Amino acid sequence: MSSNTAKLEDLRREIDEIDAQLHELLIRRTEVSRQIGRAKERGRVRIRPAREAQIMRHLVASHRGSLPKAVLLRIWREVIADSAAQQGPFSLSVYEGEDAPELRDLAREFFGVLTPIAEQGSAVRVLNEVACGAASLGVLPPIEADSRDPWWRHLARDGAEVPRIVARLPFAPWPRDRGADSAALVVAAGPVEPSGHDRSFLVAEIQDRMSRAAFKDLLGRAGLAVRETAAWNESEAAPYGYCLAEIEGYLGGSDDPPLAALLQAAGERIARLWPIGSYPVPLGDAEMAAPGARAGRSRR
């Protein structure tokens, strides 16, 4: 046997040992996930996108070597999805429409190959499936500025069963042949948590007619950094309407100091406010680039 052949055999044995260790660790992790499920109260699985984002950010920041970060995250997404399934029923309700043809693919990439997916013909049906517990999460199209029937308006109400926005997809720029603007928002029932780097959505009930520019200016005077706005009126004759803003940072609830400042600045022009969720800011091209590589333009 040549020295090169002997070295190859040694390296293959080392690979086998590593595979065995990885397998054993996965078995242990799965058992711990099952124990977590047994320790929790019975009911729907509580998904924690903020904690998952923290895990993935840490993985990317501490990664080294030639394994692409996209491969690393893809492996972990499958592990995290199975961890949720080990704790109880875990499924997705995904909007299916010609205006958002790639939502199923986005959902499958992020939530794993084995996660059950039910496609719905309307966004309201997705919200209802999440609200009643028939689905753990809902996947919906991004918010459009001037939609005639925006799904986000159904989140402008109170109640523990009302879904809230908890994530944005994709979380990382996967290296595949897809439009750079493909995106989705994820909703869930239950509390929203901060990840440390977030953006939030806020809906205001407007007492009189207010342009989106005026609404954005009002938010700015309250110290809120606005990225995008949207508006909806039930009819031209309606005496009130709704404005939505996507804001930098995390808004935990209607009693947050910035929202109190907003209500004070608005006077009677704003009747009510609803923080309707937040999402961990996705990783960009620069964060996903290999060490020493030049990253392209970061995606939103």
C-alpha atoms as a PDB file:
ATOM      1  CA  MET A   1       0.000   0.000   0.000  1.00  0.00           C
ATOM      2  CA  SER A   2       1.420   3.399  -0.984  1.00  0.00           C
ATOM      3  CA  SER A   3       1.756   6.222   1.514  1.00  0.00           C
ATOM      4  CA  ASN A   4      -0.922   8.238  -0.344  1.00  0.00           C
ATOM      5  CA  THR A   5      -3.381   5.324  -0.170  1.00  0.00           C
ATOM      6  CA  ALA A   6      -2.706   4.868   3.539  1.00  0.00           C
ATOM      7  CA  LYS A   7      -3.262   8.580   4.149  1.00  0.00           C
ATOM      8  CA  LEU A   8      -6.560   8.467   2.258  1.00  0.00           C
ATOM      9  CA  GLU A   9      -7.715   5.515   4.359  1.00  0.00           C
ATOM     10  CA  ASP A  10      -6.829   7.416   7.536  1.00  0.00           C
ATOM     11  CA  LEU A  11      -8.758  10.475   6.364  1.00  0.00           C
ATOM     12  CA  ARG A  12     -11.798   8.352   5.467  1.00  0.00           C
ATOM     13  CA  ARG A  13     -11.731   6.735   8.907  1.00  0.00           C
ATOM     14  CA  GLU A  14     -11.629  10.223  10.430  1.00  0.00           C
ATOM     15  CA  ILE A  15     -14.660  11.216   8.330  1.00  0.00           C
ATOM     16  CA  ASP A  16     -16.494   8.111   9.577  1.00  0.00           C
ATOM     17  CA  GLU A  17     -15.688   9.045  13.188  1.00  0.00           C
ATOM     18  CA  ILE A  18     -16.910  12.605  12.659  1.00  0.00           C
ATOM     19  CA  ASP A  19     -20.125  11.337  11.025  1.00  0.00           C
ATOM     20  CA  ALA A  20     -20.755   9.060  14.004  1.00  0.00           C
ATOM     21  CA  GLN A  21     -20.240  11.958  16.421  1.00  0.00           C
ATOM     22  CA  LEU A  22     -22.559  14.223  14.418  1.00  0.00           C
ATOM     23  CA  HIS A  23     -25.205  11.511  14.336  1.00  0.00           C
ATOM     24  CA  GLU A  24     -24.981  10.991  18.091  1.00  0.00           C
ATOM     25  CA  LEU A  25     -25.271  14.736  18.727  1.00  0.00           C
ATOM     26  CA  LEU A  26     -28.366  14.959  16.517  1.00  0.00           C
ATOM     27  CA  ILE A  27     -29.945  12.081  18.443  1.00  0.00           C
ATOM     28  CA  ARG A  28     -29.221  13.864  21.722  1.00  0.00           C
ATOM     29  CA  ARG A  29     -30.567  17.183  20.413  1.00  0.00           C
ATOM     30  CA  THR A  30     -33.779  15.536  19.253  1.00  0.00           C
ATOM     31  CA  GLU A  31     -34.315  13.949  22.659  1.00  0.00           C
ATOM     32  CA  VAL A  32     -33.800  17.294  24.399  1.00  0.00           C
ATOM     33  CA  SER A  33     -36.362  18.856  22.030  1.00  0.00           C
ATOM     34  CA  ARG A  34     -38.847  16.148  22.976  1.00  0.00           C
ATOM     35  CA  GLN A  35     -38.200  16.827  26.665  1.00  0.00           C
ATOM     36  CA  ILE A  36     -38.861  20.534  26.091  1.00  0.00           C
ATOM     37  CA  GLY A  37     -42.157  19.624  24.450  1.00  0.00           C
ATOM     38  CA  ARG A  38     -43.158  17.459  27.420  1.00  0.00           C
ATOM     39  CA  ALA A  39     -42.205  20.231  29.869  1.00  0.00           C
ATOM     40  CA  LYS A  40     -44.385  22.806  28.111  1.00  0.00           C
ATOM     41  CA  GLU A  41     -48.100  23.201  28.573  1.00  0.00           C
ATOM     42  CA  ARG A  42     -50.158  21.180  26.142  1.00  0.00           C
ATOM     43  CA  GLY A  43     -51.347  23.113  23.135  1.00  0.00           C
ATOM     44  CA  ARG A  44     -49.938  24.653  20.012  1.00  0.00           C
ATOM     45  CA  VAL A  45     -46.203  24.722  19.440  1.00  0.00           C
ATOM     46  CA  ARG A  46     -44.752  28.116  20.259  1.00  0.00           C
ATOM     47  CA  ILE A  47     -42.435  29.231  17.487  1.00  0.00           C
ATOM     48  CA  ARG A  48     -39.652  31.662  18.454  1.00  0.00           C
ATOM     49  CA  PRO A  49     -38.299  33.296  15.277  1.00  0.00           C
ATOM     50  CA  ALA A  50     -36.323  35.851  17.303  1.00  0.00           C
ATOM     51  CA  ARG A  51     -34.352  33.128  19.091  1.00  0.00           C
ATOM     52  CA  GLU A  52     -33.849  31.264  15.820  1.00  0.00           C
ATOM     53  CA  ALA A  53     -32.478  34.451  14.252  1.00  0.00           C
ATOM     54  CA  GLN A  54     -30.057  34.854  17.145  1.00  0.00           C
ATOM     55  CA  ILE A  55     -28.843  31.276  16.636  1.00  0.00           C
ATOM     56  CA  MET A  56     -28.286  31.806  12.918  1.00  0.00           C
ATOM     57  CA  ARG A  57     -26.568  35.151  13.363  1.00  0.00           C
ATOM     58  CA  HIS A  58     -24.201  33.558  15.869  1.00  0.00           C
ATOM     59  CA  LEU A  59     -23.479  30.663  13.506  1.00  0.00           C
ATOM     60  CA  VAL A  60     -22.649  33.011  10.635  1.00  0.00           C
ATOM     61  CA  ALA A  61     -20.541  35.340  12.796  1.00  0.00           C
ATOM     62  CA  SER A  62     -18.483  32.510  14.324  1.00  0.00           C
ATOM     63  CA  HIS A  63     -18.157  30.388  11.181  1.00  0.00           C
ATOM     64  CA  ARG A  64     -14.770  29.634   9.665  1.00  0.00           C
ATOM     65  CA  GLY A  65     -13.410  27.373   6.978  1.00  0.00           C
ATOM     66  CA  SER A  66     -14.515  26.655   3.425  1.00  0.00           C
ATOM     67  CA  LEU A  67     -18.027  25.300   4.119  1.00  0.00           C
ATOM     68  CA  PRO A  68     -20.366  27.949   2.603  1.00  0.00           C
ATOM     69  CA  LYS A  69     -22.451  29.792   5.163  1.00  0.00           C
ATOM     70  CA  ALA A  70     -25.561  29.104   3.090  1.00  0.00           C
ATOM     71  CA  VAL A  71     -24.971  25.353   3.502  1.00  0.00           C
ATOM     72  CA  LEU A  72     -24.413  25.807   7.233  1.00  0.00           C
ATOM     73  CA  LEU A  73     -27.724  27.664   7.640  1.00  0.00           C
ATOM     74  CA  ARG A  74     -29.589  25.197   5.448  1.00  0.00           C
ATOM     75  CA  ILE A  75     -28.473  22.351   7.717  1.00  0.00           C
ATOM     76  CA  TRP A  76     -29.500  24.271  10.821  1.00  0.00           C
ATOM     77  CA  ARG A  77     -32.873  25.234   9.371  1.00  0.00           C
ATOM     78  CA  GLU A  78     -33.707  21.547   8.941  1.00  0.00           C
ATOM     79  CA  VAL A  79     -32.556  20.818  12.502  1.00  0.00           C
ATOM     80  CA  ILE A  80     -34.578  23.729  13.931  1.00  0.00           C
ATOM     81  CA  ALA A  81     -37.699  22.734  11.973  1.00  0.00           C
ATOM     82  CA  ASP A  82     -37.481  19.177  13.270  1.00  0.00           C
ATOM     83  CA  SER A  83     -36.953  20.506  16.792  1.00  0.00           C
ATOM     84  CA  ALA A  84     -40.280  22.332  16.542  1.00  0.00           C
ATOM     85  CA  ALA A  85     -41.995  19.218  15.183  1.00  0.00           C
ATOM     86  CA  GLN A  86     -40.629  17.154  18.087  1.00  0.00           C
ATOM     87  CA  GLN A  87     -42.460  19.449  20.515  1.00  0.00           C
ATOM     88  CA  GLY A  88     -45.895  19.069  18.967  1.00  0.00           C
ATOM     89  CA  PRO A  89     -47.876  19.464  15.724  1.00  0.00           C
ATOM     90  CA  PHE A  90     -46.096  21.929  13.448  1.00  0.00           C
ATOM     91  CA  SER A  91     -47.516  23.023  10.090  1.00  0.00           C
ATOM     92  CA  LEU A  92     -47.703  25.972   7.702  1.00  0.00           C
ATOM     93  CA  SER A  93     -50.559  27.718   5.944  1.00  0.00           C
ATOM     94  CA  VAL A  94     -49.246  29.446   2.818  1.00  0.00           C
ATOM     95  CA  TYR A  95     -50.984  31.914   0.538  1.00  0.00           C
ATOM     96  CA  GLU A  96     -51.188  30.648  -3.038  1.00  0.00           C
ATOM     97  CA  GLY A  97     -51.786  33.221  -5.750  1.00  0.00           C
ATOM     98  CA  GLU A  98     -50.539  34.424  -9.113  1.00  0.00           C
ATOM     99  CA  ASP A  99     -49.322  37.609  -7.430  1.00  0.00           C
ATOM    100  CA  ALA A 100     -47.033  35.593  -5.110  1.00  0.00           C
ATOM    101  CA  PRO A 101     -45.967  32.401  -6.904  1.00  0.00           C
ATOM    102  CA  GLU A 102     -42.833  31.667  -4.868  1.00  0.00           C
ATOM    103  CA  LEU A 103     -44.173  31.699  -1.312  1.00  0.00           C
ATOM    104  CA  ARG A 104     -44.279  27.905  -1.064  1.00  0.00           C
ATOM    105  CA  ASP A 105     -40.632  27.654  -2.134  1.00  0.00           C
ATOM    106  CA  LEU A 106     -39.606  30.312   0.383  1.00  0.00           C
ATOM    107  CA  ALA A 107     -41.527  28.519   3.129  1.00  0.00           C
ATOM    108  CA  ARG A 108     -40.054  25.127   2.226  1.00  0.00           C
ATOM    109  CA  GLU A 109     -36.487  26.470   2.199  1.00  0.00           C
ATOM    110  CA  PHE A 110     -36.833  28.044   5.632  1.00  0.00           C
ATOM    111  CA  PHE A 111     -39.080  25.610   7.484  1.00  0.00           C
ATOM    112  CA  GLY A 112     -37.741  22.286   6.266  1.00  0.00           C
ATOM    113  CA  VAL A 113     -38.546  19.575   3.755  1.00  0.00           C
ATOM    114  CA  LEU A 114     -40.836  17.583   6.086  1.00  0.00           C
ATOM    115  CA  THR A 115     -42.975  20.410   7.476  1.00  0.00           C
ATOM    116  CA  PRO A 116     -46.600  20.019   6.291  1.00  0.00           C
ATOM    117  CA  ILE A 117     -47.746  22.893   4.055  1.00  0.00           C
ATOM    118  CA  ALA A 118     -51.362  23.726   3.228  1.00  0.00           C
ATOM    119  CA  GLU A 119     -51.885  26.244   0.428  1.00  0.00           C
ATOM    120  CA  GLN A 120     -54.769  28.701   0.722  1.00  0.00           C
ATOM    121  CA  GLY A 121     -56.432  30.776  -1.961  1.00  0.00           C
ATOM    122  CA  SER A 122     -56.767  33.884   0.184  1.00  0.00           C
ATOM    123  CA  ALA A 123     -54.703  35.717   2.754  1.00  0.00           C
ATOM    124  CA  VAL A 124     -57.695  35.880   5.099  1.00  0.00           C
ATOM    125  CA  ARG A 125     -57.914  32.088   5.055  1.00  0.00           C
ATOM    126  CA  VAL A 126     -54.238  31.911   6.068  1.00  0.00           C
ATOM    127  CA  LEU A 127     -54.868  34.298   8.967  1.00  0.00           C
ATOM    128  CA  ASN A 128     -57.892  32.304  10.103  1.00  0.00           C
ATOM    129  CA  GLU A 129     -55.931  29.027  10.030  1.00  0.00           C
ATOM    130  CA  VAL A 130     -53.276  30.562  12.295  1.00  0.00           C
ATOM    131  CA  ALA A 131     -55.807  32.235  14.600  1.00  0.00           C
ATOM    132  CA  CYS A 132     -57.742  29.005  15.252  1.00  0.00           C
ATOM    133  CA  GLY A 133     -54.608  26.885  15.683  1.00  0.00           C
ATOM    134  CA  ALA A 134     -55.056  24.808  12.527  1.00  0.00           C
ATOM    135  CA  ALA A 135     -51.612  26.031  11.385  1.00  0.00           C
ATOM    136  CA  SER A 136     -48.574  26.960  13.455  1.00  0.00           C
ATOM    137  CA  LEU A 137     -47.510  29.721  11.072  1.00  0.00           C
ATOM    138  CA  GLY A 138     -48.856  31.576   8.072  1.00  0.00           C
ATOM    139  CA  VAL A 139     -46.794  32.741   5.099  1.00  0.00           C
ATOM    140  CA  LEU A 140     -48.105  35.796   3.258  1.00  0.00           C
ATOM    141  CA  PRO A 141     -46.963  38.194   0.523  1.00  0.00           C
ATOM    142  CA  PRO A 142     -45.045  41.351   1.432  1.00  0.00           C
ATOM    143  CA  ILE A 143     -47.071  44.458   2.213  1.00  0.00           C
ATOM    144  CA  GLU A 144     -47.992  46.595  -0.791  1.00  0.00           C
ATOM    145  CA  ALA A 145     -48.345  50.342  -0.433  1.00  0.00           C
ATOM    146  CA  ASP A 146     -51.761  50.766  -2.104  1.00  0.00           C
ATOM    147  CA  SER A 147     -53.459  47.371  -2.098  1.00  0.00           C
ATOM    148  CA  ARG A 148     -57.257  47.619  -2.388  1.00  0.00           C
ATOM    149  CA  ASP A 149     -57.753  44.816   0.136  1.00  0.00           C
ATOM    150  CA  PRO A 150     -54.578  44.517   2.242  1.00  0.00           C
ATOM    151  CA  TRP A 151     -54.326  41.507   4.528  1.00  0.00           C
ATOM    152  CA  TRP A 152     -52.567  43.560   7.223  1.00  0.00           C
ATOM    153  CA  ARG A 153     -55.756  45.450   8.071  1.00  0.00           C
ATOM    154  CA  HIS A 154     -57.136  42.284   9.695  1.00  0.00           C
ATOM    155  CA  LEU A 155     -54.331  42.480  12.293  1.00  0.00           C
ATOM    156  CA  ALA A 156     -55.504  45.900  13.490  1.00  0.00           C
ATOM    157  CA  ARG A 157     -57.447  44.573  16.459  1.00  0.00           C
ATOM    158  CA  ASP A 158     -56.825  43.290  19.950  1.00  0.00           C
ATOM    159  CA  GLY A 159     -56.886  39.735  21.254  1.00  0.00           C
ATOM    160  CA  ALA A 160     -54.475  36.936  22.068  1.00  0.00           C
ATOM    161  CA  GLU A 161     -55.724  34.958  19.064  1.00  0.00           C
ATOM    162  CA  VAL A 162     -54.952  37.733  16.561  1.00  0.00           C
ATOM    163  CA  PRO A 163     -51.897  36.727  14.481  1.00  0.00           C
ATOM    164  CA  ARG A 164     -48.841  38.957  14.513  1.00  0.00           C
ATOM    165  CA  ILE A 165     -45.950  39.317  12.074  1.00  0.00           C
ATOM    166  CA  VAL A 166     -42.922  37.432  13.431  1.00  0.00           C
ATOM    167  CA  ALA A 167     -40.487  36.900  10.537  1.00  0.00           C
ATOM    168  CA  ARG A 168     -39.502  37.883   7.025  1.00  0.00           C
ATOM    169  CA  LEU A 169     -38.306  35.459   4.343  1.00  0.00           C
ATOM    170  CA  PRO A 170     -35.751  34.763   3.124  1.00  0.00           C
ATOM    171  CA  PHE A 171     -33.608  35.248   6.221  1.00  0.00           C
ATOM    172  CA  ALA A 172     -30.443  34.791   4.172  1.00  0.00           C
ATOM    173  CA  PRO A 173     -29.734  35.358   0.460  1.00  0.00           C
ATOM    174  CA  TRP A 174     -29.769  31.747  -0.729  1.00  0.00           C
ATOM    175  CA  PRO A 175     -27.580  31.130  -3.793  1.00  0.00           C
ATOM    176  CA  ARG A 176     -30.306  30.024  -6.196  1.00  0.00           C
ATOM    177  CA  ASP A 177     -31.915  31.249  -9.392  1.00  0.00           C
ATOM    178  CA  ARG A 178     -34.712  33.420  -8.041  1.00  0.00           C
ATOM    179  CA  GLY A 179     -35.668  37.065  -8.277  1.00  0.00           C
ATOM    180  CA  ALA A 180     -33.852  39.283  -5.805  1.00  0.00           C
ATOM    181  CA  ASP A 181     -37.167  40.771  -4.675  1.00  0.00           C
ATOM    182  CA  SER A 182     -38.825  37.458  -3.739  1.00  0.00           C
ATOM    183  CA  ALA A 183     -39.977  37.841  -0.144  1.00  0.00           C
ATOM    184  CA  ALA A 184     -42.674  36.853   2.325  1.00  0.00           C
ATOM    185  CA  LEU A 185     -43.880  37.732   5.797  1.00  0.00           C
ATOM    186  CA  VAL A 186     -44.626  35.103   8.453  1.00  0.00           C
ATOM    187  CA  VAL A 187     -47.426  35.417  11.009  1.00  0.00           C
ATOM    188  CA  ALA A 188     -48.049  33.511  14.229  1.00  0.00           C
ATOM    189  CA  ALA A 189     -50.374  33.662  17.212  1.00  0.00           C
ATOM    190  CA  GLY A 190     -48.652  34.492  20.461  1.00  0.00           C
ATOM    191  CA  PRO A 191     -46.218  37.069  21.835  1.00  0.00           C
ATOM    192  CA  VAL A 192     -43.619  38.742  19.638  1.00  0.00           C
ATOM    193  CA  GLU A 193     -40.038  38.802  20.929  1.00  0.00           C
ATOM    194  CA  PRO A 194     -37.055  41.030  20.076  1.00  0.00           C
ATOM    195  CA  SER A 195     -34.021  39.479  18.396  1.00  0.00           C
ATOM    196  CA  GLY A 196     -31.661  42.408  18.946  1.00  0.00           C
ATOM    197  CA  HIS A 197     -31.921  43.743  15.385  1.00  0.00           C
ATOM    198  CA  ASP A 198     -35.522  44.119  14.285  1.00  0.00           C
ATOM    199  CA  ARG A 199     -38.064  46.062  12.276  1.00  0.00           C
ATOM    200  CA  SER A 200     -41.656  46.528  13.361  1.00  0.00           C
ATOM    201  CA  PHE A 201     -45.052  47.211  11.831  1.00  0.00           C
ATOM    202  CA  LEU A 202     -47.482  49.737  13.253  1.00  0.00           C
ATOM    203  CA  VAL A 203     -51.089  50.401  12.190  1.00  0.00           C
ATOM    204  CA  ALA A 204     -52.909  53.606  13.088  1.00  0.00           C
ATOM    205  CA  GLU A 205     -56.630  54.341  12.810  1.00  0.00           C
ATOM    206  CA  ILE A 206     -56.811  57.814  11.331  1.00  0.00           C
ATOM    207  CA  GLN A 207     -59.740  60.056  12.250  1.00  0.00           C
ATOM    208  CA  ASP A 208     -59.455  62.318   9.232  1.00  0.00           C
ATOM    209  CA  ARG A 209     -57.856  62.051   5.815  1.00  0.00           C
ATOM    210  CA  MET A 210     -54.084  61.952   6.082  1.00  0.00           C
ATOM    211  CA  SER A 211     -51.616  61.354   3.284  1.00  0.00           C
ATOM    212  CA  ARG A 212     -48.908  58.752   3.694  1.00  0.00           C
ATOM    213  CA  ALA A 213     -46.347  61.551   3.566  1.00  0.00           C
ATOM    214  CA  ALA A 214     -48.087  63.373   6.418  1.00  0.00           C
ATOM    215  CA  PHE A 215     -48.290  60.146   8.415  1.00  0.00           C
ATOM    216  CA  LYS A 216     -44.595  59.505   7.871  1.00  0.00           C
ATOM    217  CA  ASP A 217     -43.778  63.044   8.970  1.00  0.00           C
ATOM    218  CA  LEU A 218     -45.853  62.570  12.122  1.00  0.00           C
ATOM    219  CA  LEU A 219     -43.987  59.369  12.954  1.00  0.00           C
ATOM    220  CA  GLY A 220     -40.662  61.102  12.399  1.00  0.00           C
ATOM    221  CA  ARG A 221     -41.591  63.866  14.836  1.00  0.00           C
ATOM    222  CA  ALA A 222     -42.277  61.151  17.415  1.00  0.00           C
ATOM    223  CA  GLY A 223     -38.742  59.823  16.941  1.00  0.00           C
ATOM    224  CA  LEU A 224     -39.669  56.773  14.824  1.00  0.00           C
ATOM    225  CA  ALA A 225     -37.504  55.922  11.806  1.00  0.00           C
ATOM    226  CA  VAL A 226     -39.875  54.906   9.000  1.00  0.00           C
ATOM    227  CA  ARG A 227     -38.902  52.648   6.097  1.00  0.00           C
ATOM    228  CA  GLU A 228     -42.188  52.175   4.259  1.00  0.00           C
ATOM    229  CA  THR A 229     -45.832  53.197   4.597  1.00  0.00           C
ATOM    230  CA  ALA A 230     -49.158  51.892   3.309  1.00  0.00           C
ATOM    231  CA  ALA A 231     -52.768  53.045   3.590  1.00  0.00           C
ATOM    232  CA  TRP A 232     -56.281  51.632   3.302  1.00  0.00           C
ATOM    233  CA  ASN A 233     -59.787  53.113   3.387  1.00  0.00           C
ATOM    234  CA  GLU A 234     -62.926  51.019   3.424  1.00  0.00           C
ATOM    235  CA  SER A 235     -64.507  53.413   0.945  1.00  0.00           C
ATOM    236  CA  GLU A 236     -64.041  56.916  -0.385  1.00  0.00           C
ATOM    237  CA  ALA A 237     -66.856  58.089   1.879  1.00  0.00           C
ATOM    238  CA  ALA A 238     -65.480  56.439   5.035  1.00  0.00           C
ATOM    239  CA  PRO A 239     -64.766  59.001   7.771  1.00  0.00           C
ATOM    240  CA  TYR A 240     -61.671  57.136   8.879  1.00  0.00           C
ATOM    241  CA  GLY A 241     -58.876  55.032   7.436  1.00  0.00           C
ATOM    242  CA  TYR A 242     -55.853  52.995   8.369  1.00  0.00           C
ATOM    243  CA  CYS A 243     -52.185  53.764   7.850  1.00  0.00           C
ATOM    244  CA  LEU A 244     -49.361  51.266   8.258  1.00  0.00           C
ATOM    245  CA  ALA A 245     -45.687  51.974   8.811  1.00  0.00           C
ATOM    246  CA  GLU A 246     -42.663  49.717   8.781  1.00  0.00           C
ATOM    247  CA  ILE A 247     -40.322  51.085  11.431  1.00  0.00           C
ATOM    248  CA  GLU A 248     -36.704  50.500  12.349  1.00  0.00           C
ATOM    249  CA  GLY A 249     -36.368  48.837  15.759  1.00  0.00           C
ATOM    250  CA  TYR A 250     -38.579  46.754  17.987  1.00  0.00           C
ATOM    251  CA  LEU A 251     -41.987  47.880  19.261  1.00  0.00           C
ATOM    252  CA  GLY A 252     -43.138  45.696  22.107  1.00  0.00           C
ATOM    253  CA  GLY A 253     -46.633  47.068  22.659  1.00  0.00           C
ATOM    254  CA  SER A 254     -48.982  50.026  22.498  1.00  0.00           C
ATOM    255  CA  ASP A 255     -47.568  51.372  25.775  1.00  0.00           C
ATOM    256  CA  ASP A 256     -44.041  51.801  24.375  1.00  0.00           C
ATOM    257  CA  PRO A 257     -42.766  55.383  24.975  1.00  0.00           C
ATOM    258  CA  PRO A 258     -42.398  56.176  21.236  1.00  0.00           C
ATOM    259  CA  LEU A 259     -46.051  55.317  20.660  1.00  0.00           C
ATOM    260  CA  ALA A 260     -47.160  57.447  23.598  1.00  0.00           C
ATOM    261  CA  ALA A 261     -45.167  60.307  22.050  1.00  0.00           C
ATOM    262  CA  LEU A 262     -46.839  59.647  18.702  1.00  0.00           C
ATOM    263  CA  LEU A 263     -50.336  59.823  20.179  1.00  0.00           C
ATOM    264  CA  GLN A 264     -49.467  63.049  21.950  1.00  0.00           C
ATOM    265  CA  ALA A 265     -48.089  64.599  18.768  1.00  0.00           C
ATOM    266  CA  ALA A 266     -51.078  63.454  16.700  1.00  0.00           C
ATOM    267  CA  GLY A 267     -53.769  64.736  19.039  1.00  0.00           C
ATOM    268  CA  GLU A 268     -57.201  63.668  17.802  1.00  0.00           C
ATOM    269  CA  ARG A 269     -55.954  62.762  14.348  1.00  0.00           C
ATOM    270  CA  ILE A 270     -55.079  59.203  15.473  1.00  0.00           C
ATOM    271  CA  ALA A 271     -57.815  57.258  17.266  1.00  0.00           C
ATOM    272  CA  ARG A 272     -55.944  54.015  17.970  1.00  0.00           C
ATOM    273  CA  LEU A 273     -52.599  52.306  17.450  1.00  0.00           C
ATOM    274  CA  TRP A 274     -51.769  48.625  16.998  1.00  0.00           C
ATOM    275  CA  PRO A 275     -48.229  47.256  16.866  1.00  0.00           C
ATOM    276  CA  ILE A 276     -48.916  44.275  14.594  1.00  0.00           C
ATOM    277  CA  GLY A 277     -45.561  42.526  14.897  1.00  0.00           C
ATOM    278  CA  SER A 278     -41.893  42.706  14.092  1.00  0.00           C
ATOM    279  CA  TYR A 279     -39.290  40.613  12.319  1.00  0.00           C
ATOM    280  CA  PRO A 280     -35.572  39.942  12.766  1.00  0.00           C
ATOM    281  CA  VAL A 281     -33.656  41.825  10.101  1.00  0.00           C
ATOM    282  CA  PRO A 282     -32.421  39.262   7.543  1.00  0.00           C
ATOM    283  CA  LEU A 283     -28.757  38.623   6.904  1.00  0.00           C
ATOM    284  CA  GLY A 284     -27.235  40.461   3.961  1.00  0.00           C
ATOM    285  CA  ASP A 285     -24.774  39.510   1.258  1.00  0.00           C
ATOM    286  CA  ALA A 286     -21.857  40.976   3.224  1.00  0.00           C
ATOM    287  CA  GLU A 287     -22.643  38.819   6.264  1.00  0.00           C
ATOM    288  CA  MET A 288     -23.028  35.704   4.136  1.00  0.00           C
ATOM    289  CA  ALA A 289     -19.859  36.234   2.084  1.00  0.00           C
ATOM    290  CA  ALA A 290     -16.918  33.901   2.594  1.00  0.00           C
ATOM    291  CA  PRO A 291     -13.998  35.384   4.585  1.00  0.00           C
ATOM    292  CA  GLY A 292     -11.973  37.617   2.299  1.00  0.00           C
ATOM    293  CA  ALA A 293     -14.632  37.620  -0.442  1.00  0.00           C
ATOM    294  CA  ARG A 294     -16.149  40.773  -1.823  1.00  0.00           C
ATOM    295  CA  ALA A 295     -19.925  40.846  -1.203  1.00  0.00           C
ATOM    296  CA  GLY A 296     -22.409  42.226  -3.651  1.00  0.00           C
ATOM    297  CA  ARG A 297     -25.155  44.706  -2.888  1.00  0.00           C
ATOM    298  CA  SER A 298     -27.073  43.739   0.262  1.00  0.00           C
ATOM    299  CA  ARG A 299     -30.725  42.842  -0.165  1.00  0.00           C
ATOM    300  CA  ARG A 300     -33.515  44.343   1.823  1.00  0.00           C
END
